[in-house]
Amino acid sequence: NVGEDEEDEDDPMKITEGKVTYEDANKGGGAKLLSYYHCGPTLHDTNANQEDAPTEVVLLHGAAFTKTDWKTSGILDTFCEINNDEDGGNLLLLALDLPVSADGVELGIAFDSLVRNQ
């Protein structure tokens, strides 16, 4: 997992960019690289007490777009600002660059890899 902070490293509400490798056992195996944007608590925080566990929001894009469109459109910034001001920082946001060919099984495998590696 490689994370590159775009803002202050100590502020979990700032948007960070990262990459994680996952095994795509669903489509004949092989390693795939998943790029993502993140803001909010880390995925490890989801293992906390269920009452305190963050709400996870995964933003997926269509065939003509990438994770960057969530950022350049201002949508990701808006969610992160809402998270700061109104949700007390309990909203975990991920904008993924999952391949368009991916199905629900591949999404699950990629997400599990994010949880293990973040």
Protein backbone atom coordinates (compact mmCIF):
# COMPACT_ATOMS: atom_id res chain seq x y z
CA ASN A 1 0.00 0.00 0.00
CA VAL A 2 1.39 3.35 -1.03
CA GLY A 3 -0.24 6.50 0.35
CA GLU A 4 0.57 10.00 -0.77
CA ASP A 5 -0.89 12.79 1.34
CA GLU A 6 -2.07 15.83 -0.55
CA GLU A 7 -2.63 17.86 2.61
CA ASP A 8 -1.48 17.71 6.23
CA GLU A 9 -0.53 14.13 7.14
CA ASP A 10 -2.09 14.44 10.59
CA ASP A 11 -5.59 15.30 9.35
CA PRO A 12 -7.55 12.12 8.51
CA MET A 13 -10.26 14.20 6.79
CA LYS A 14 -7.91 15.34 4.04
CA ILE A 15 -7.94 13.48 0.75
CA THR A 16 -5.06 11.05 0.28
CA GLU A 17 -4.19 8.96 -2.74
CA GLY A 18 -3.03 5.37 -2.51
CA LYS A 19 -2.55 2.11 -4.37
CA VAL A 20 -2.98 -1.47 -3.27
CA THR A 21 -2.33 -4.77 -5.04
CA TYR A 22 -4.96 -7.51 -4.94
CA GLU A 23 -5.23 -10.99 -6.39
CA ASP A 24 -8.03 -11.39 -8.89
CA ALA A 25 -8.88 -15.06 -8.33
CA ASN A 26 -12.24 -14.51 -10.02
CA LYS A 27 -10.81 -13.96 -13.51
CA GLY A 28 -7.98 -16.45 -13.78
CA GLY A 29 -5.73 -15.05 -11.11
CA GLY A 30 -2.97 -12.55 -11.29
CA ALA A 31 -2.15 -9.43 -9.37
CA LYS A 32 -3.96 -6.18 -10.12
CA LEU A 33 -3.17 -2.68 -8.91
CA LEU A 34 -6.04 -0.62 -7.49
CA SER A 35 -5.65 3.16 -7.23
CA TYR A 36 -7.90 5.06 -4.84
CA TYR A 37 -8.62 8.31 -3.03
CA HIS A 38 -9.47 8.20 0.67
CA CYS A 39 -10.60 10.53 3.41
CA GLY A 40 -11.90 9.88 6.90
CA PRO A 41 -10.93 7.17 9.36
CA THR A 42 -8.70 4.37 8.10
CA LEU A 43 -10.18 1.02 7.19
CA HIS A 44 -8.50 -0.46 10.28
CA ASP A 45 -10.82 1.72 12.35
CA THR A 46 -13.75 -0.39 11.08
CA ASN A 47 -12.59 -3.16 13.42
CA ALA A 48 -13.45 -0.99 16.41
CA ASN A 49 -16.54 -1.35 18.53
CA GLN A 50 -19.51 -1.65 16.16
CA GLU A 51 -21.23 1.32 17.80
CA ASP A 52 -18.21 3.51 16.99
CA ALA A 53 -17.44 1.97 13.58
CA PRO A 54 -17.37 4.45 10.72
CA THR A 55 -19.91 4.43 7.91
CA GLU A 56 -18.14 3.25 4.74
CA VAL A 57 -18.94 4.90 1.40
CA VAL A 58 -17.36 3.51 -1.77
CA LEU A 59 -17.56 5.70 -4.87
CA LEU A 60 -17.37 3.79 -8.16
CA HIS A 61 -17.21 5.31 -11.64
CA GLY A 62 -18.51 4.33 -15.06
CA ALA A 63 -16.54 3.22 -18.11
CA ALA A 64 -15.73 6.74 -19.35
CA PHE A 65 -14.45 8.02 -15.99
CA THR A 66 -11.77 7.48 -13.33
CA LYS A 67 -11.44 8.12 -9.60
CA THR A 68 -10.05 11.53 -10.52
CA ASP A 69 -13.48 12.61 -11.78
CA TRP A 70 -14.84 12.29 -8.21
CA LYS A 71 -12.17 14.77 -7.15
CA THR A 72 -12.19 17.24 -10.06
CA SER A 73 -16.00 17.46 -9.96
CA GLY A 74 -15.84 18.54 -6.31
CA ILE A 75 -18.01 15.62 -5.17
CA LEU A 76 -15.23 13.98 -3.13
CA ASP A 77 -14.31 17.33 -1.55
CA THR A 78 -17.96 17.93 -0.63
CA PHE A 79 -18.27 14.53 1.07
CA CYS A 80 -15.02 15.12 2.97
CA GLU A 81 -16.16 18.59 4.10
CA ILE A 82 -19.50 17.19 5.27
CA ASN A 83 -17.55 14.52 7.12
CA ASN A 84 -15.56 17.23 8.93
CA ASP A 85 -18.46 19.48 9.81
CA GLU A 86 -21.51 17.33 10.33
CA ASP A 87 -20.59 13.70 10.87
CA GLY A 88 -17.88 14.11 13.46
CA GLY A 89 -15.39 12.39 11.18
CA ASN A 90 -17.21 9.06 11.21
CA LEU A 91 -17.56 8.72 7.44
CA LEU A 92 -14.92 6.65 5.62
CA LEU A 93 -14.83 7.60 1.93
CA LEU A 94 -13.11 5.68 -0.86
CA ALA A 95 -13.12 6.57 -4.56
CA LEU A 96 -11.83 3.49 -6.38
CA ASP A 97 -10.37 2.99 -9.84
CA LEU A 98 -11.79 -0.50 -10.17
CA PRO A 99 -11.72 -1.82 -13.75
CA VAL A 100 -15.05 -1.60 -15.58
CA SER A 101 -14.89 -5.34 -16.18
CA ALA A 102 -14.90 -5.98 -12.42
CA ASP A 103 -17.90 -7.68 -10.86
CA GLY A 104 -19.06 -7.85 -7.26
CA VAL A 105 -16.64 -10.66 -6.42
CA GLU A 106 -13.66 -8.65 -7.66
CA LEU A 107 -14.89 -5.59 -5.74
CA GLY A 108 -15.03 -7.72 -2.58
CA ILE A 109 -11.51 -9.06 -3.12
CA ALA A 110 -10.15 -5.56 -3.79
CA PHE A 111 -11.91 -4.12 -0.72
CA ASP A 112 -10.60 -6.93 1.50
CA SER A 113 -7.09 -6.16 0.27
CA LEU A 114 -7.59 -2.48 1.12
CA VAL A 115 -8.67 -3.40 4.65
CA ARG A 116 -5.63 -5.63 5.15
CA ASN A 117 -3.14 -3.13 3.76
CA GLN A 118 -4.30 0.31 4.82
